[in-house]
């Protein structure tokens, strides 16, 4: 068992944890999450912490998700590339002949800053990661000019173009 798996999972104020019918349910100010508990796990719930006797990091992500939430920032690079949010729809202009409309799941919220920074927030870390990957997959960043959608923490390895490779006069 990993060292982090042995640590108790802290619960912030306002987060309530219950275990019923082999399901762990956490309720907090950002939402409600529940996950099935494998029969081999022994879970002890206190007012301030959850102790899992077998390794499991989903309960820690759930506790952090319902209390603080998770955030992913996507950057849109390219001339004329932009995003706009209307409710649960994201309108993306990514250099194609048509705009792309992406429907967000109800658990995920989005905000756009300066038309090129898309911030996704959710209490469910797994769902947030898959939504961010789907949006990034609509126009992944290309290595020559760096145009496309990338994570804010991601660095794109740039390649030299044809002009830089063979600059000999002959």
N, C-alpha and C. Protein backbone atom coordinates (compact mmCIF):
# COMPACT_ATOMS: atom_id res chain seq x y z
N UNK A 1 0.85 -1.18 0.00
CA UNK A 1 0.00 0.00 0.00
C UNK A 1 0.89 1.24 0.00
N UNK A 2 0.52 2.23 -0.79
CA UNK A 2 1.33 3.44 -0.89
C UNK A 2 1.24 4.24 0.40
N UNK A 3 2.22 5.13 0.58
CA UNK A 3 2.22 5.95 1.80
C UNK A 3 1.04 6.92 1.82
N UNK A 4 0.68 7.46 0.65
CA UNK A 4 -0.45 8.41 0.63
C UNK A 4 -1.76 7.67 0.88
N UNK A 5 -1.84 6.41 0.50
CA UNK A 5 -3.06 5.63 0.72
C UNK A 5 -3.30 5.31 2.18
N UNK A 6 -2.25 5.37 3.01
CA UNK A 6 -2.39 5.10 4.43
C UNK A 6 -2.88 6.31 5.22
N UNK A 7 -2.77 7.50 4.62
CA UNK A 7 -3.15 8.72 5.34
C UNK A 7 -4.67 8.87 5.42
N UNK A 8 -5.16 9.43 6.53
CA UNK A 8 -6.60 9.71 6.61
C UNK A 8 -6.98 10.82 5.63
N UNK A 9 -8.20 10.79 5.14
CA UNK A 9 -8.69 11.77 4.18
C UNK A 9 -9.39 12.87 4.97
N UNK A 10 -8.85 14.11 4.94
CA UNK A 10 -9.47 15.18 5.74
C UNK A 10 -10.77 15.66 5.09
N UNK A 11 -11.72 15.98 5.95
CA UNK A 11 -13.00 16.55 5.50
C UNK A 11 -13.09 17.99 5.98
N UNK A 12 -13.37 18.91 5.08
CA UNK A 12 -13.53 20.31 5.45
C UNK A 12 -14.86 20.51 6.16
N UNK A 13 -15.01 21.68 6.78
CA UNK A 13 -16.27 22.00 7.45
C UNK A 13 -17.36 22.10 6.39
N UNK A 14 -18.52 21.57 6.69
CA UNK A 14 -19.64 21.61 5.76
C UNK A 14 -19.73 20.38 4.87
N UNK A 15 -18.77 19.44 4.99
CA UNK A 15 -18.80 18.22 4.20
C UNK A 15 -19.25 17.07 5.11
N UNK A 16 -20.28 16.37 4.67
CA UNK A 16 -20.79 15.25 5.44
C UNK A 16 -20.57 13.97 4.66
N UNK A 17 -20.10 12.92 5.33
CA UNK A 17 -19.84 11.63 4.70
C UNK A 17 -20.73 10.58 5.34
N UNK A 18 -21.33 9.72 4.49
CA UNK A 18 -22.15 8.61 4.97
C UNK A 18 -21.79 7.37 4.17
N UNK A 19 -21.93 6.23 4.83
CA UNK A 19 -21.68 4.94 4.19
C UNK A 19 -22.92 4.09 4.38
N UNK A 20 -23.58 3.74 3.27
CA UNK A 20 -24.79 2.94 3.33
C UNK A 20 -24.86 2.06 2.08
N UNK A 21 -25.25 0.82 2.26
CA UNK A 21 -25.40 -0.13 1.14
C UNK A 21 -24.14 -0.21 0.30
N UNK A 22 -22.98 -0.27 0.96
CA UNK A 22 -21.65 -0.31 0.33
C UNK A 22 -21.45 0.82 -0.68
N UNK A 23 -21.99 2.02 -0.37
CA UNK A 23 -21.75 3.21 -1.17
C UNK A 23 -21.33 4.34 -0.23
N UNK A 24 -20.23 5.01 -0.59
CA UNK A 24 -19.76 6.16 0.16
C UNK A 24 -20.34 7.41 -0.49
N UNK A 25 -21.04 8.22 0.31
CA UNK A 25 -21.68 9.43 -0.22
C UNK A 25 -21.13 10.63 0.53
N UNK A 26 -20.69 11.64 -0.24
CA UNK A 26 -20.17 12.87 0.34
C UNK A 26 -21.02 14.04 -0.15
N UNK A 27 -21.44 14.90 0.80
CA UNK A 27 -22.27 16.06 0.48
C UNK A 27 -21.53 17.28 0.98
N UNK A 28 -21.36 18.26 0.09
CA UNK A 28 -20.65 19.49 0.44
C UNK A 28 -21.27 20.68 -0.25
N UNK A 29 -20.69 21.86 -0.06
CA UNK A 29 -21.27 23.06 -0.66
C UNK A 29 -21.19 23.09 -2.18
N UNK A 30 -20.27 22.34 -2.81
CA UNK A 30 -20.13 22.33 -4.27
C UNK A 30 -20.92 21.21 -4.93
N UNK A 31 -21.51 20.30 -4.15
CA UNK A 31 -22.30 19.24 -4.77
C UNK A 31 -22.30 17.97 -3.95
N UNK A 32 -22.84 16.92 -4.55
CA UNK A 32 -22.95 15.61 -3.92
C UNK A 32 -22.31 14.58 -4.83
N UNK A 33 -21.47 13.71 -4.26
CA UNK A 33 -20.84 12.63 -5.03
C UNK A 33 -20.97 11.34 -4.25
N UNK A 34 -21.07 10.24 -4.99
CA UNK A 34 -21.07 8.94 -4.33
C UNK A 34 -20.34 7.94 -5.20
N UNK A 35 -19.74 6.96 -4.54
CA UNK A 35 -18.99 5.93 -5.24
C UNK A 35 -19.23 4.59 -4.55
N UNK A 36 -19.27 3.51 -5.33
CA UNK A 36 -19.40 2.20 -4.69
C UNK A 36 -18.11 1.83 -3.97
N UNK A 37 -18.25 1.13 -2.86
CA UNK A 37 -17.09 0.70 -2.07
C UNK A 37 -16.91 -0.79 -2.26
N UNK A 38 -15.71 -1.18 -2.64
CA UNK A 38 -15.38 -2.59 -2.83
C UNK A 38 -15.52 -3.32 -1.51
N UNK A 39 -16.02 -4.56 -1.52
CA UNK A 39 -16.22 -5.29 -0.26
C UNK A 39 -14.95 -5.46 0.57
N UNK A 40 -13.76 -5.42 -0.04
CA UNK A 40 -12.52 -5.58 0.71
C UNK A 40 -12.09 -4.35 1.48
N UNK A 41 -12.74 -3.22 1.25
CA UNK A 41 -12.35 -1.98 1.91
C UNK A 41 -13.08 -1.83 3.23
N UNK A 42 -12.37 -1.32 4.22
CA UNK A 42 -12.97 -0.99 5.50
C UNK A 42 -12.85 0.53 5.66
N UNK A 43 -14.00 1.19 5.81
CA UNK A 43 -14.01 2.65 5.88
C UNK A 43 -14.56 3.08 7.23
N UNK A 44 -13.79 3.93 7.91
CA UNK A 44 -14.22 4.51 9.17
C UNK A 44 -14.45 6.01 8.94
N UNK A 45 -15.63 6.49 9.30
CA UNK A 45 -15.97 7.89 9.07
C UNK A 45 -16.02 8.62 10.41
N UNK A 46 -15.27 9.70 10.49
CA UNK A 46 -15.25 10.56 11.67
C UNK A 46 -15.82 11.91 11.23
N UNK A 47 -15.98 12.87 12.14
CA UNK A 47 -16.49 14.19 11.77
C UNK A 47 -15.49 14.95 10.90
N UNK A 48 -14.21 14.71 11.10
CA UNK A 48 -13.19 15.50 10.40
C UNK A 48 -12.38 14.70 9.40
N UNK A 49 -12.55 13.38 9.34
CA UNK A 49 -11.72 12.60 8.42
C UNK A 49 -12.38 11.26 8.08
N UNK A 50 -11.89 10.68 6.97
CA UNK A 50 -12.28 9.34 6.55
C UNK A 50 -11.01 8.50 6.55
N UNK A 51 -11.08 7.32 7.15
CA UNK A 51 -9.94 6.41 7.18
C UNK A 51 -10.28 5.19 6.34
N UNK A 52 -9.48 4.94 5.30
CA UNK A 52 -9.67 3.79 4.42
C UNK A 52 -8.58 2.79 4.75
N UNK A 53 -8.98 1.56 5.06
CA UNK A 53 -8.01 0.56 5.47
C UNK A 53 -7.28 -0.09 4.29
N UNK A 54 -7.85 -0.01 3.08
CA UNK A 54 -7.18 -0.50 1.88
C UNK A 54 -6.95 0.70 0.96
N UNK A 55 -6.00 0.62 0.01
CA UNK A 55 -5.70 1.80 -0.80
C UNK A 55 -6.88 2.23 -1.66
N UNK A 56 -7.09 3.54 -1.75
CA UNK A 56 -8.16 4.08 -2.58
C UNK A 56 -8.06 5.58 -2.62
N UNK A 57 -7.80 6.17 -3.79
CA UNK A 57 -7.65 7.62 -3.86
C UNK A 57 -8.92 8.30 -4.34
N UNK A 58 -9.95 7.54 -4.75
CA UNK A 58 -11.16 8.19 -5.23
C UNK A 58 -11.90 8.88 -4.10
N UNK A 59 -11.83 8.33 -2.89
CA UNK A 59 -12.51 8.98 -1.76
C UNK A 59 -11.86 10.32 -1.45
N UNK A 60 -10.54 10.41 -1.57
CA UNK A 60 -9.85 11.67 -1.33
C UNK A 60 -10.24 12.70 -2.38
N UNK A 61 -10.30 12.28 -3.65
CA UNK A 61 -10.72 13.19 -4.71
C UNK A 61 -12.17 13.64 -4.51
N UNK A 62 -13.01 12.72 -4.03
CA UNK A 62 -14.41 13.08 -3.77
C UNK A 62 -14.50 14.12 -2.65
N UNK A 63 -13.74 13.90 -1.57
CA UNK A 63 -13.78 14.82 -0.44
C UNK A 63 -13.29 16.20 -0.85
N UNK A 64 -12.22 16.25 -1.65
CA UNK A 64 -11.71 17.53 -2.12
C UNK A 64 -12.66 18.15 -3.14
N UNK A 65 -13.29 17.33 -3.96
CA UNK A 65 -14.19 17.82 -5.00
C UNK A 65 -15.45 18.46 -4.46
N UNK A 66 -16.08 17.82 -3.47
CA UNK A 66 -17.33 18.39 -2.94
C UNK A 66 -17.06 19.59 -2.04
N UNK A 67 -15.83 19.74 -1.50
CA UNK A 67 -15.56 20.89 -0.64
C UNK A 67 -14.96 22.05 -1.42
N UNK A 68 -13.94 21.80 -2.26
CA UNK A 68 -13.26 22.87 -2.98
C UNK A 68 -13.56 22.87 -4.46
N UNK A 69 -13.75 21.71 -5.06
CA UNK A 69 -13.96 21.61 -6.49
C UNK A 69 -12.64 21.54 -7.24
N UNK A 70 -12.70 21.18 -8.50
CA UNK A 70 -11.51 21.09 -9.34
C UNK A 70 -11.67 22.05 -10.51
N UNK A 71 -10.53 22.51 -11.03
CA UNK A 71 -10.53 23.49 -12.12
C UNK A 71 -9.49 23.10 -13.15
N UNK A 72 -9.83 23.21 -14.43
CA UNK A 72 -8.90 23.00 -15.53
C UNK A 72 -9.01 24.20 -16.47
N UNK A 73 -7.86 24.74 -16.89
CA UNK A 73 -7.84 25.89 -17.78
C UNK A 73 -7.29 25.45 -19.14
N UNK A 74 -8.03 25.79 -20.20
CA UNK A 74 -7.60 25.51 -21.56
C UNK A 74 -7.30 26.83 -22.27
N UNK A 75 -6.21 26.85 -23.04
CA UNK A 75 -5.85 28.04 -23.81
C UNK A 75 -6.13 27.77 -25.28
N UNK A 76 -6.69 28.76 -25.96
CA UNK A 76 -6.98 28.66 -27.38
C UNK A 76 -6.02 29.59 -28.11
N UNK A 77 -5.16 29.03 -28.97
CA UNK A 77 -4.16 29.81 -29.71
C UNK A 77 -4.46 29.73 -31.20
N UNK A 78 -4.42 30.87 -31.87
CA UNK A 78 -4.62 30.91 -33.31
C UNK A 78 -5.40 32.15 -33.70
N UNK A 79 -5.11 32.67 -34.88
CA UNK A 79 -5.79 33.87 -35.35
C UNK A 79 -7.25 33.53 -35.64
N UNK A 80 -8.17 34.24 -34.99
CA UNK A 80 -9.59 34.01 -35.20
C UNK A 80 -10.16 32.87 -34.36
N UNK A 81 -9.34 32.17 -33.59
CA UNK A 81 -9.83 31.08 -32.74
C UNK A 81 -10.38 31.70 -31.47
N UNK A 82 -11.60 31.32 -31.08
CA UNK A 82 -12.17 31.85 -29.85
C UNK A 82 -13.28 30.93 -29.34
N UNK A 83 -13.69 31.20 -28.10
CA UNK A 83 -14.76 30.43 -27.46
C UNK A 83 -15.75 31.40 -26.83
N UNK A 84 -16.99 30.93 -26.70
CA UNK A 84 -18.05 31.72 -26.09
C UNK A 84 -18.96 30.75 -25.36
N UNK A 85 -19.35 31.06 -24.13
CA UNK A 85 -20.21 30.18 -23.33
C UNK A 85 -21.58 30.79 -23.20
N UNK A 86 -22.60 29.99 -23.49
CA UNK A 86 -24.00 30.39 -23.28
C UNK A 86 -24.68 29.25 -22.55
N UNK A 87 -24.83 29.39 -21.24
CA UNK A 87 -25.44 28.34 -20.43
C UNK A 87 -24.52 27.13 -20.37
N UNK A 88 -25.02 25.99 -20.85
CA UNK A 88 -24.20 24.78 -20.86
C UNK A 88 -23.66 24.47 -22.25
N UNK A 89 -23.71 25.45 -23.15
CA UNK A 89 -23.17 25.27 -24.51
C UNK A 89 -21.91 26.12 -24.67
N UNK A 90 -20.89 25.52 -25.29
CA UNK A 90 -19.68 26.25 -25.62
C UNK A 90 -19.62 26.38 -27.13
N UNK A 91 -19.61 27.62 -27.64
CA UNK A 91 -19.47 27.87 -29.07
C UNK A 91 -18.00 28.11 -29.37
N UNK A 92 -17.41 27.25 -30.19
CA UNK A 92 -15.99 27.33 -30.50
C UNK A 92 -15.79 27.66 -31.98
N UNK A 93 -14.96 28.65 -32.25
CA UNK A 93 -14.55 28.97 -33.61
C UNK A 93 -13.08 28.58 -33.70
N UNK A 94 -12.79 27.50 -34.44
CA UNK A 94 -11.45 26.92 -34.43
C UNK A 94 -10.83 26.82 -35.82
N UNK A 95 -11.22 27.70 -36.73
CA UNK A 95 -10.61 27.70 -38.05
C UNK A 95 -11.25 26.75 -39.04
N UNK A 96 -12.30 26.07 -38.64
CA UNK A 96 -13.03 25.21 -39.57
C UNK A 96 -14.05 26.07 -40.32
N UNK A 97 -14.71 25.48 -41.30
CA UNK A 97 -15.70 26.23 -42.08
C UNK A 97 -17.00 26.46 -41.31
N UNK A 98 -17.11 25.83 -40.15
CA UNK A 98 -18.33 25.94 -39.36
C UNK A 98 -17.96 26.09 -37.88
N UNK A 99 -18.79 26.76 -37.10
CA UNK A 99 -18.53 26.80 -35.66
C UNK A 99 -18.88 25.46 -35.01
N UNK A 100 -18.21 25.14 -33.92
CA UNK A 100 -18.45 23.90 -33.20
C UNK A 100 -19.20 24.25 -31.92
N UNK A 101 -20.30 23.54 -31.65
CA UNK A 101 -21.07 23.73 -30.42
C UNK A 101 -20.88 22.50 -29.57
N UNK A 102 -20.33 22.69 -28.35
CA UNK A 102 -20.06 21.58 -27.44
C UNK A 102 -21.03 21.67 -26.27
N UNK A 103 -21.75 20.58 -26.01
CA UNK A 103 -22.71 20.51 -24.90
C UNK A 103 -21.99 20.00 -23.65
N UNK A 104 -21.98 20.81 -22.60
CA UNK A 104 -21.35 20.42 -21.34
C UNK A 104 -22.28 19.52 -20.53
N UNK A 105 -21.74 18.55 -19.79
CA UNK A 105 -22.58 17.80 -18.84
C UNK A 105 -23.07 18.74 -17.74
N UNK A 106 -24.17 18.41 -17.07
CA UNK A 106 -24.71 19.32 -16.05
C UNK A 106 -23.78 19.52 -14.85
N UNK A 107 -22.85 18.60 -14.61
CA UNK A 107 -21.95 18.72 -13.44
C UNK A 107 -20.78 19.65 -13.71
N UNK A 108 -20.56 20.07 -14.96
CA UNK A 108 -19.40 20.88 -15.33
C UNK A 108 -19.87 22.28 -15.71
N UNK A 109 -19.16 23.30 -15.20
CA UNK A 109 -19.44 24.68 -15.57
C UNK A 109 -18.24 25.25 -16.30
N UNK A 110 -18.48 26.25 -17.15
CA UNK A 110 -17.40 26.84 -17.94
C UNK A 110 -17.49 28.36 -17.90
N UNK A 111 -16.32 29.00 -17.94
CA UNK A 111 -16.22 30.45 -18.05
C UNK A 111 -15.17 30.76 -19.10
N UNK A 112 -15.36 31.86 -19.82
CA UNK A 112 -14.39 32.28 -20.83
C UNK A 112 -13.86 33.65 -20.45
N UNK A 113 -12.53 33.79 -20.46
CA UNK A 113 -11.89 35.08 -20.21
C UNK A 113 -11.13 35.48 -21.47
N UNK A 114 -11.33 36.69 -21.94
CA UNK A 114 -10.65 37.24 -23.11
C UNK A 114 -10.84 36.38 -24.36
N UNK A 115 -11.86 35.60 -24.46
CA UNK A 115 -12.23 34.75 -25.59
C UNK A 115 -11.24 33.63 -25.88
N UNK A 116 -10.10 33.57 -25.17
CA UNK A 116 -9.11 32.53 -25.46
C UNK A 116 -8.73 31.69 -24.25
N UNK A 117 -9.24 32.01 -23.07
CA UNK A 117 -9.00 31.20 -21.88
C UNK A 117 -10.32 30.58 -21.44
N UNK A 118 -10.41 29.26 -21.50
CA UNK A 118 -11.61 28.53 -21.14
C UNK A 118 -11.36 27.82 -19.82
N UNK A 119 -12.11 28.18 -18.78
CA UNK A 119 -11.96 27.59 -17.45
C UNK A 119 -13.12 26.65 -17.19
N UNK A 120 -12.81 25.37 -16.94
CA UNK A 120 -13.82 24.36 -16.63
C UNK A 120 -13.74 24.03 -15.15
N UNK A 121 -14.90 23.93 -14.48
CA UNK A 121 -14.94 23.61 -13.05
C UNK A 121 -15.97 22.52 -12.81
N UNK A 122 -15.63 21.61 -11.86
CA UNK A 122 -16.54 20.53 -11.49
C UNK A 122 -16.10 19.94 -10.15
N UNK A 123 -17.01 19.24 -9.51
CA UNK A 123 -16.67 18.52 -8.29
C UNK A 123 -16.13 17.13 -8.62
N UNK A 124 -16.40 16.63 -9.80
CA UNK A 124 -15.97 15.29 -10.22
C UNK A 124 -14.70 15.41 -11.06
N UNK A 125 -13.57 14.97 -10.51
CA UNK A 125 -12.28 15.11 -11.18
C UNK A 125 -12.20 14.29 -12.46
N UNK A 126 -12.74 13.08 -12.44
CA UNK A 126 -12.68 12.20 -13.60
C UNK A 126 -13.50 12.78 -14.77
N UNK A 127 -14.70 13.24 -14.48
CA UNK A 127 -15.54 13.84 -15.52
C UNK A 127 -14.90 15.11 -16.08
N UNK A 128 -14.33 15.93 -15.21
CA UNK A 128 -13.67 17.16 -15.64
C UNK A 128 -12.52 16.86 -16.59
N UNK A 129 -11.72 15.86 -16.28
CA UNK A 129 -10.60 15.49 -17.13
C UNK A 129 -11.05 14.99 -18.49
N UNK A 130 -12.13 14.20 -18.52
CA UNK A 130 -12.59 13.68 -19.81
C UNK A 130 -13.22 14.78 -20.66
N UNK A 131 -13.94 15.74 -20.04
CA UNK A 131 -14.52 16.85 -20.80
C UNK A 131 -13.40 17.73 -21.36
N UNK A 132 -12.38 18.02 -20.56
CA UNK A 132 -11.26 18.83 -21.02
C UNK A 132 -10.53 18.14 -22.17
N UNK A 133 -10.37 16.83 -22.09
CA UNK A 133 -9.70 16.09 -23.16
C UNK A 133 -10.54 16.09 -24.44
N UNK A 134 -11.86 16.00 -24.32
CA UNK A 134 -12.72 16.05 -25.51
C UNK A 134 -12.64 17.41 -26.19
N UNK A 135 -12.66 18.48 -25.40
CA UNK A 135 -12.59 19.83 -25.98
C UNK A 135 -11.22 20.03 -26.63
N UNK A 136 -10.15 19.59 -25.99
CA UNK A 136 -8.81 19.70 -26.56
C UNK A 136 -8.71 18.90 -27.85
N UNK A 137 -9.39 17.78 -27.92
CA UNK A 137 -9.36 16.93 -29.10
C UNK A 137 -10.05 17.53 -30.31
N UNK A 138 -10.87 18.58 -30.12
CA UNK A 138 -11.53 19.22 -31.25
C UNK A 138 -10.52 19.92 -32.17
N UNK A 139 -9.43 20.45 -31.60
CA UNK A 139 -8.35 21.05 -32.39
C UNK A 139 -7.08 20.98 -31.55
N UNK A 140 -6.39 19.82 -31.55
CA UNK A 140 -5.16 19.70 -30.75
C UNK A 140 -4.08 20.66 -31.27
N UNK A 141 -3.18 21.09 -30.41
CA UNK A 141 -2.16 22.05 -30.85
C UNK A 141 -1.20 21.40 -31.85
N UNK A 142 -0.85 22.16 -32.89
CA UNK A 142 0.07 21.62 -33.89
C UNK A 142 1.48 22.15 -33.61
N UNK A 143 2.52 21.42 -33.98
CA UNK A 143 3.88 21.76 -33.54
C UNK A 143 4.57 22.87 -34.32
N UNK A 144 4.03 23.32 -35.45
CA UNK A 144 4.73 24.31 -36.26
C UNK A 144 4.40 25.75 -35.86
N UNK A 145 3.12 26.07 -35.74
CA UNK A 145 2.73 27.41 -35.32
C UNK A 145 2.12 27.44 -33.92
N UNK A 146 1.83 26.27 -33.36
CA UNK A 146 1.25 26.20 -32.02
C UNK A 146 -0.23 26.50 -31.97
N UNK A 147 -0.91 26.47 -33.12
CA UNK A 147 -2.34 26.78 -33.15
C UNK A 147 -3.13 25.59 -32.62
N UNK A 148 -4.21 25.88 -31.90
CA UNK A 148 -5.07 24.83 -31.39
C UNK A 148 -5.43 25.07 -29.93
N UNK A 149 -6.02 24.04 -29.29
CA UNK A 149 -6.42 24.12 -27.89
C UNK A 149 -5.44 23.30 -27.07
N UNK A 150 -4.90 23.91 -26.01
CA UNK A 150 -3.97 23.20 -25.14
C UNK A 150 -4.31 23.50 -23.69
N UNK A 151 -3.84 22.62 -22.80
CA UNK A 151 -3.98 22.88 -21.37
C UNK A 151 -3.07 24.06 -21.01
N UNK A 152 -3.44 24.84 -20.01
CA UNK A 152 -2.63 26.00 -19.62
C UNK A 152 -1.27 25.57 -19.09
N UNK A 153 -1.19 24.38 -18.49
CA UNK A 153 0.08 23.90 -17.93
C UNK A 153 0.92 23.14 -18.95
N UNK A 154 0.38 22.92 -20.14
CA UNK A 154 1.06 22.11 -21.17
C UNK A 154 2.03 22.98 -21.97
N UNK A 155 3.17 22.40 -22.33
CA UNK A 155 4.10 23.08 -23.23
C UNK A 155 4.14 22.30 -24.53
N UNK A 156 4.10 23.02 -25.63
CA UNK A 156 4.09 22.40 -26.95
C UNK A 156 5.51 22.42 -27.50
N UNK A 157 6.01 21.25 -27.90
CA UNK A 157 7.33 21.18 -28.53
C UNK A 157 7.20 21.69 -29.95
N UNK A 158 7.90 22.74 -30.24
CA UNK A 158 7.81 23.38 -31.55
C UNK A 158 8.84 22.77 -32.50
N UNK A 159 8.47 22.71 -33.78
CA UNK A 159 9.36 22.20 -34.81
C UNK A 159 9.72 23.33 -35.76
N UNK A 160 10.90 23.24 -36.36
CA UNK A 160 11.29 24.21 -37.37
C UNK A 160 10.60 23.86 -38.68
N UNK A 161 10.23 24.85 -39.43
CA UNK A 161 9.56 24.62 -40.70
C UNK A 161 10.55 24.32 -41.82
N UNK A 162 10.03 24.26 -43.04
CA UNK A 162 10.88 23.95 -44.21
C UNK A 162 11.94 25.02 -44.43
N UNK A 163 11.61 26.28 -44.22
CA UNK A 163 12.54 27.36 -44.50
C UNK A 163 13.75 27.32 -43.56
N UNK A 164 13.57 26.90 -42.32
CA UNK A 164 14.67 26.86 -41.37
C UNK A 164 15.56 25.64 -41.60
N UNK A 165 15.03 24.58 -42.19
CA UNK A 165 15.79 23.34 -42.34
C UNK A 165 16.84 23.43 -43.43
N UNK A 166 16.51 23.95 -44.57
CA UNK A 166 17.47 23.96 -45.69
C UNK A 166 17.76 25.36 -46.18
N UNK A 167 18.48 26.14 -45.42
CA UNK A 167 18.76 27.52 -45.82
C UNK A 167 20.14 27.60 -46.47
N UNK A 168 20.33 26.87 -47.56
CA UNK A 168 21.60 26.94 -48.29
C UNK A 168 21.32 27.48 -49.70
N UNK A 169 22.17 28.34 -50.15
CA UNK A 169 21.97 28.89 -51.49
C UNK A 169 22.88 28.15 -52.47
N UNK A 170 22.32 27.74 -53.55
CA UNK A 170 23.14 26.91 -54.39
C UNK A 170 22.93 27.11 -55.78
